[in-house]
Structure formats: structure tokens, C-alpha cells
Amino acid sequence: MIYDLKHGKVLDVLETRVKAVVVAWFRSQPKAWLAGIRRAAMDMWEAYEKAIREVFGDQVEIVADKFHVVKQFNERIQACRREIQRGADEKTKQPLKGIRWAIAKDPKNLTQGDRRALGQALKASPELRTMYRLKKQFLSIYWVKTRKPLRQMRKWMQRALATGLKHLAKFVQTLKNWWEEITAYFRTGLTNAGSEGLNTTIKMVTRRAYGFRNHEHFRLRVKHETGALAA
């Protein structure tokens, strides 16, 4: 999906996520419109980043969507949890079941039941407890946009690496690989949050149709449902 975040509408639905398709779409647009684009928020899909660089060069600042950055961290915690479960005895394994969503939630949104289940899981696994503690510290820097966030982020990365946990090391490597795009959020405040309502509409279209075999039909239906058919 390509969205106009400023006006809250779907611009188009591309058939694939490959770089060439994204590049071709942008190059088919009016030059005057392209000249007005200054920032692009995206998930951390390399093909998107390369496509924007190829079309716009340094004209456009790329911002890694903060929700996808946190999603990457949650995936590393889940990978750690599954690894611990595979090698644990039953006493340790049992509390780690059924806590996937509690781990993924923002800590301030946890229900009482979530807190109880999560507390039992973290008590059972020191490794998971360390990862979750580091997640809360990361969110306090990244989510809240504290003072001197870049310095704090670098210190957090050092603490994460000092734990020796491989799943934390993988997330730190993601931060390094996408450093400019991730920290652009601190400068711009730009996210894909405005597209969430559109995503919900698109999912409803897909469910009603039980999937589309013809991409053009799907594309037109999405644009109709989101009020962008004439765009």
C-alpha cells in the first residue's frame, strides 16, 4: 500500500513489494507531485528503502515507522521465549505458554491478568526477564522521545550487548543497520499511525471477498472503500 499520510488516503495498491515495482509506480507519477515529497515513513523492508533512494536521492528523508521498530524487538523476544521453551523442563515451560500478546503489548496497556501471567513467566526465566526489562528501557527512550535520545539510545545498545544475549544482539544490529531511518523519528515525529484505520478497512474488504484472485479488482475495491477511487 502507498498512502498519503498527510491527507489520510490510499494512493495505490501495488501487486508486489519488489523494488522495481515501487520504483516504476513513483516514476509514473507527475513530476510536480514528486517534487513536493519530503519524507517517507515505512516499515524496514529493504526494497522500499532502496526504491525511495533510487527515485528521490537525498530529496526525501526516510523514517522507519516506530511501530515496526518495536515489532522487530517483540519478534526477538518471542524468538527467545520459543527457544527457552524448547529446552526447558515442564516447570519452566508452563508459565511461558500463552503470554505472546502480553509480551507484545505496551507495558502501560497490560491488564491485571496480563501482568500476573507475564510476572510468572519472567520469574521462571531470567533470560526472558532481562529481555523484557531492556524492552521497557528501550520504550522509555524511543516511545516517549526523552531528552538527548540519541545518546541514550547508544547507551542502551551498549547495555543490551553487555548482556551477552544473542537475540538482543540481533536487535541491536537492526538498530545499527537502520540507524538514520530509525532516529529520524526523533527529528520528525513521523509514523504510519495515520494509516491504521485504512488498514482496518482493507482487511474488511479482503475478508468479505474471501481473497481476490485478480489484483486489479482488489485494487479498485480498496480505493473505492477508502474513498480514493478518483485519486
Protein backbone atom coordinates (compact mmCIF):
# COMPACT_ATOMS: atom_id res chain seq x y z
CA MET A 1 0.00 0.00 0.00
CA ILE A 2 1.14 3.53 -0.75
CA TYR A 3 -0.54 6.13 1.46
CA ASP A 4 -0.75 9.87 1.57
CA LEU A 5 -0.26 10.25 5.32
CA LYS A 6 -0.93 13.98 5.27
CA HIS A 7 -4.41 13.61 3.76
CA GLY A 8 -5.13 10.14 5.11
CA LYS A 9 -5.88 8.28 1.87
CA VAL A 10 -4.70 5.30 -0.14
CA LEU A 11 -2.80 6.34 -3.26
CA ASP A 12 -2.43 2.89 -4.73
CA VAL A 13 -2.16 -0.84 -4.09
CA LEU A 14 0.84 -2.45 -5.74
CA GLU A 15 0.84 -6.09 -6.78
CA THR A 16 4.20 -6.92 -5.17
CA ARG A 17 6.73 -5.44 -2.73
CA VAL A 18 9.72 -5.72 -5.05
CA LYS A 19 11.87 -2.65 -5.66
CA ALA A 20 11.29 -2.42 -9.42
CA VAL A 21 7.52 -2.22 -8.99
CA VAL A 22 7.79 0.53 -6.37
CA VAL A 23 10.25 2.49 -8.50
CA ALA A 24 8.04 2.17 -11.58
CA TRP A 25 5.00 3.44 -9.67
CA PHE A 26 6.73 6.57 -8.44
CA ARG A 27 8.25 7.31 -11.83
CA SER A 28 4.80 7.14 -13.40
CA GLN A 29 3.55 9.99 -11.18
CA PRO A 30 3.53 13.71 -12.13
CA LYS A 31 6.93 15.34 -11.63
CA ALA A 32 5.39 18.31 -9.83
CA TRP A 33 3.82 15.99 -7.25
CA LEU A 34 7.06 14.05 -6.75
CA ALA A 35 8.94 17.32 -6.24
CA GLY A 36 6.75 18.13 -3.23
CA ILE A 37 7.56 14.95 -1.30
CA ARG A 38 9.99 15.49 1.56
CA ARG A 39 9.54 12.49 3.89
CA ALA A 40 8.51 8.86 3.62
CA ALA A 41 7.58 6.60 6.56
CA MET A 42 7.89 2.85 6.00
CA ASP A 43 8.46 -0.49 7.63
CA MET A 44 12.02 -1.77 7.45
CA TRP A 45 11.73 -3.51 4.09
CA GLU A 46 14.98 -3.02 2.21
CA ALA A 47 13.28 -2.89 -1.20
CA TYR A 48 11.21 0.13 -0.12
CA GLU A 49 14.25 1.97 1.19
CA LYS A 50 16.26 1.31 -1.98
CA ALA A 51 13.33 2.32 -4.20
CA ILE A 52 12.95 5.67 -2.45
CA ARG A 53 16.70 6.31 -2.64
CA GLU A 54 16.73 5.48 -6.35
CA VAL A 55 13.79 7.74 -7.23
CA PHE A 56 14.38 10.67 -4.88
CA GLY A 57 18.04 10.56 -3.87
CA ASP A 58 18.61 12.90 -0.91
CA GLN A 59 15.40 14.85 -1.53
CA VAL A 60 13.34 12.58 0.72
CA GLU A 61 14.09 11.74 4.35
CA ILE A 62 13.19 8.15 5.19
CA VAL A 63 11.64 7.48 8.60
CA ALA A 64 11.40 3.92 9.91
CA ASP A 65 7.91 3.55 11.33
CA LYS A 66 8.25 3.30 15.10
CA PHE A 67 5.55 0.64 15.44
CA HIS A 68 7.53 -1.64 13.13
CA VAL A 69 10.73 -1.00 15.06
CA VAL A 70 9.03 -2.10 18.28
CA LYS A 71 7.53 -5.05 16.39
CA GLN A 72 11.06 -6.13 15.49
CA PHE A 73 12.00 -6.08 19.18
CA ASN A 74 8.89 -8.07 20.11
CA GLU A 75 9.79 -10.69 17.50
CA ARG A 76 13.23 -11.08 19.07
CA ILE A 77 11.65 -11.58 22.50
CA GLN A 78 9.24 -14.15 21.07
CA ALA A 79 12.14 -15.99 19.43
CA CYS A 80 13.91 -16.05 22.79
CA ARG A 81 10.77 -17.36 24.52
CA ARG A 82 10.29 -20.16 21.98
CA GLU A 83 13.95 -21.17 22.26
CA ILE A 84 13.72 -21.35 26.05
CA GLN A 85 10.53 -23.41 25.83
CA ARG A 86 12.13 -25.99 23.55
CA GLY A 87 14.93 -26.71 26.02
CA ALA A 88 13.12 -26.20 29.34
CA ASP A 89 11.66 -28.64 31.82
CA GLU A 90 7.89 -28.65 32.30
CA LYS A 91 8.03 -26.43 35.38
CA THR A 92 9.76 -23.66 33.43
CA LYS A 93 7.88 -24.29 30.19
CA GLN A 94 4.34 -23.98 31.55
CA PRO A 95 4.42 -20.27 32.58
CA LEU A 96 5.86 -19.35 29.16
CA LYS A 97 2.77 -20.56 27.33
CA GLY A 98 0.04 -18.12 26.28
CA ILE A 99 1.95 -14.90 27.00
CA ARG A 100 2.68 -13.87 23.42
CA TRP A 101 0.28 -10.91 23.42
CA ALA A 102 1.20 -9.82 26.94
CA ILE A 103 4.84 -9.55 25.85
CA ALA A 104 3.93 -7.62 22.70
CA LYS A 105 1.71 -5.05 24.42
CA ASP A 106 2.93 -1.68 25.58
CA PRO A 107 3.53 -2.30 29.32
CA LYS A 108 1.16 0.52 30.29
CA ASN A 109 -1.69 -1.27 28.45
CA LEU A 110 -1.39 -4.58 30.29
CA THR A 111 -4.48 -5.91 32.05
CA GLN A 112 -4.30 -7.34 35.54
CA GLY A 113 -4.40 -10.84 34.05
CA ASP A 114 -1.61 -9.95 31.64
CA ARG A 115 0.55 -8.67 34.47
CA ARG A 116 0.01 -11.81 36.52
CA ALA A 117 0.79 -14.20 33.65
CA LEU A 118 3.76 -12.15 32.49
CA GLY A 119 5.14 -11.91 36.03
CA GLN A 120 5.06 -15.69 36.38
CA ALA A 121 6.81 -16.16 33.03
CA LEU A 122 9.55 -13.66 33.80
CA LYS A 123 10.11 -15.24 37.20
CA ALA A 124 10.57 -18.62 35.51
CA SER A 125 13.17 -17.36 33.02
CA PRO A 126 15.97 -14.93 33.96
CA GLU A 127 16.89 -14.60 30.26
CA LEU A 128 13.38 -13.57 29.26
CA ARG A 129 13.22 -11.25 32.28
CA THR A 130 16.37 -9.47 31.09
CA MET A 131 15.00 -9.04 27.58
CA TYR A 132 11.70 -7.65 28.85
CA ARG A 133 13.48 -5.25 31.21
CA LEU A 134 15.55 -3.97 28.29
CA LYS A 135 12.40 -3.62 26.21
CA LYS A 136 10.83 -1.35 28.84
CA GLN A 137 14.01 0.74 28.93
CA PHE A 138 14.03 0.95 25.13
CA LEU A 139 10.41 2.12 25.02
CA SER A 140 11.11 4.77 27.66
CA ILE A 141 13.69 6.27 25.29
CA TYR A 142 12.15 5.63 21.88
CA TRP A 143 8.42 5.80 22.54
CA VAL A 144 8.43 8.82 24.84
CA LYS A 145 11.13 10.79 22.97
CA THR A 146 13.20 11.73 26.00
CA ARG A 147 15.91 14.41 26.16
CA LYS A 148 19.12 13.61 24.25
CA PRO A 149 17.56 10.42 22.78
CA LEU A 150 20.49 9.54 20.51
CA ARG A 151 22.94 9.46 23.41
CA GLN A 152 20.51 7.44 25.50
CA MET A 153 19.86 5.04 22.62
CA ARG A 154 23.59 4.39 22.18
CA LYS A 155 23.99 3.72 25.90
CA TRP A 156 21.02 1.35 25.75
CA MET A 157 22.66 -0.54 22.90
CA GLN A 158 25.81 -0.96 24.97
CA ARG A 159 23.79 -2.31 27.91
CA ALA A 160 21.93 -4.70 25.60
CA LEU A 161 25.16 -6.08 24.12
CA ALA A 162 26.71 -6.41 27.59
CA THR A 163 24.02 -9.00 28.49
CA GLY A 164 25.52 -11.43 26.01
CA LEU A 165 22.06 -12.46 24.82
CA LYS A 166 22.08 -13.25 21.11
CA HIS A 167 18.51 -12.09 20.48
CA LEU A 168 19.29 -8.69 21.95
CA ALA A 169 22.45 -8.56 19.84
CA LYS A 170 20.35 -9.19 16.72
CA PHE A 171 18.03 -6.32 17.57
CA VAL A 172 20.99 -4.03 18.23
CA GLN A 173 22.30 -4.95 14.78
CA THR A 174 18.93 -3.95 13.30
CA LEU A 175 19.25 -0.57 15.04
CA LYS A 176 22.73 -0.12 13.59
CA ASN A 177 21.65 -1.12 10.08
CA TRP A 178 18.73 1.33 10.11
CA TRP A 179 20.17 3.97 12.44
CA GLU A 180 19.49 7.05 10.29
CA GLU A 181 15.97 5.95 9.43
CA ILE A 182 15.06 4.92 12.98
CA THR A 183 16.45 8.03 14.64
CA ALA A 184 14.74 10.22 12.03
CA TYR A 185 11.64 9.71 14.16
CA PHE A 186 13.19 11.87 16.87
CA ARG A 187 13.58 14.71 14.39
CA THR A 188 10.27 14.39 12.57
CA GLY A 189 7.76 12.57 14.76
CA LEU A 190 6.50 10.92 11.55
CA THR A 191 4.85 7.50 11.81
CA ASN A 192 2.44 5.34 9.82
CA ALA A 193 -0.14 5.63 12.59
CA GLY A 194 -2.49 7.55 10.31
CA SER A 195 -2.76 4.54 8.02
CA GLU A 196 -4.05 2.16 10.70
CA GLY A 197 -7.70 2.98 10.08
CA LEU A 198 -7.16 2.43 6.36
CA ASN A 199 -5.53 -0.92 7.08
CA THR A 200 -8.59 -2.00 9.05
CA THR A 201 -10.83 -1.10 6.11
CA ILE A 202 -8.61 -3.03 3.71
CA LYS A 203 -8.71 -6.13 5.94
CA MET A 204 -12.51 -5.94 5.98
CA VAL A 205 -12.56 -5.78 2.16
CA THR A 206 -10.35 -8.87 1.99
CA ARG A 207 -12.47 -10.83 4.47
CA ARG A 208 -15.73 -10.01 2.68
CA ALA A 209 -14.31 -11.23 -0.61
CA TYR A 210 -12.53 -14.28 0.88
CA GLY A 211 -9.47 -13.09 -1.02
CA PHE A 212 -9.14 -11.67 -4.53
CA ARG A 213 -7.64 -13.64 -7.42
CA ASN A 214 -7.50 -10.59 -9.65
CA HIS A 215 -5.21 -7.86 -8.33
CA GLU A 216 -6.85 -5.07 -10.32
CA HIS A 217 -10.27 -5.92 -8.86
CA PHE A 218 -8.79 -5.86 -5.37
CA ARG A 219 -7.01 -2.56 -6.05
CA LEU A 220 -10.17 -0.88 -7.31
CA ARG A 221 -12.25 -2.24 -4.43
CA VAL A 222 -9.78 -0.92 -1.86
CA LYS A 223 -9.70 2.52 -3.49
CA HIS A 224 -13.49 2.59 -3.62
CA GLU A 225 -13.90 1.58 0.03
CA THR A 226 -11.34 4.16 1.20
CA GLY A 227 -12.76 6.97 -0.90
CA ALA A 228 -9.72 7.19 -3.15
CA LEU A 229 -11.07 5.79 -6.41
CA ALA A 230 -10.82 9.14 -8.17
CA ALA A 231 -7.26 9.74 -6.87
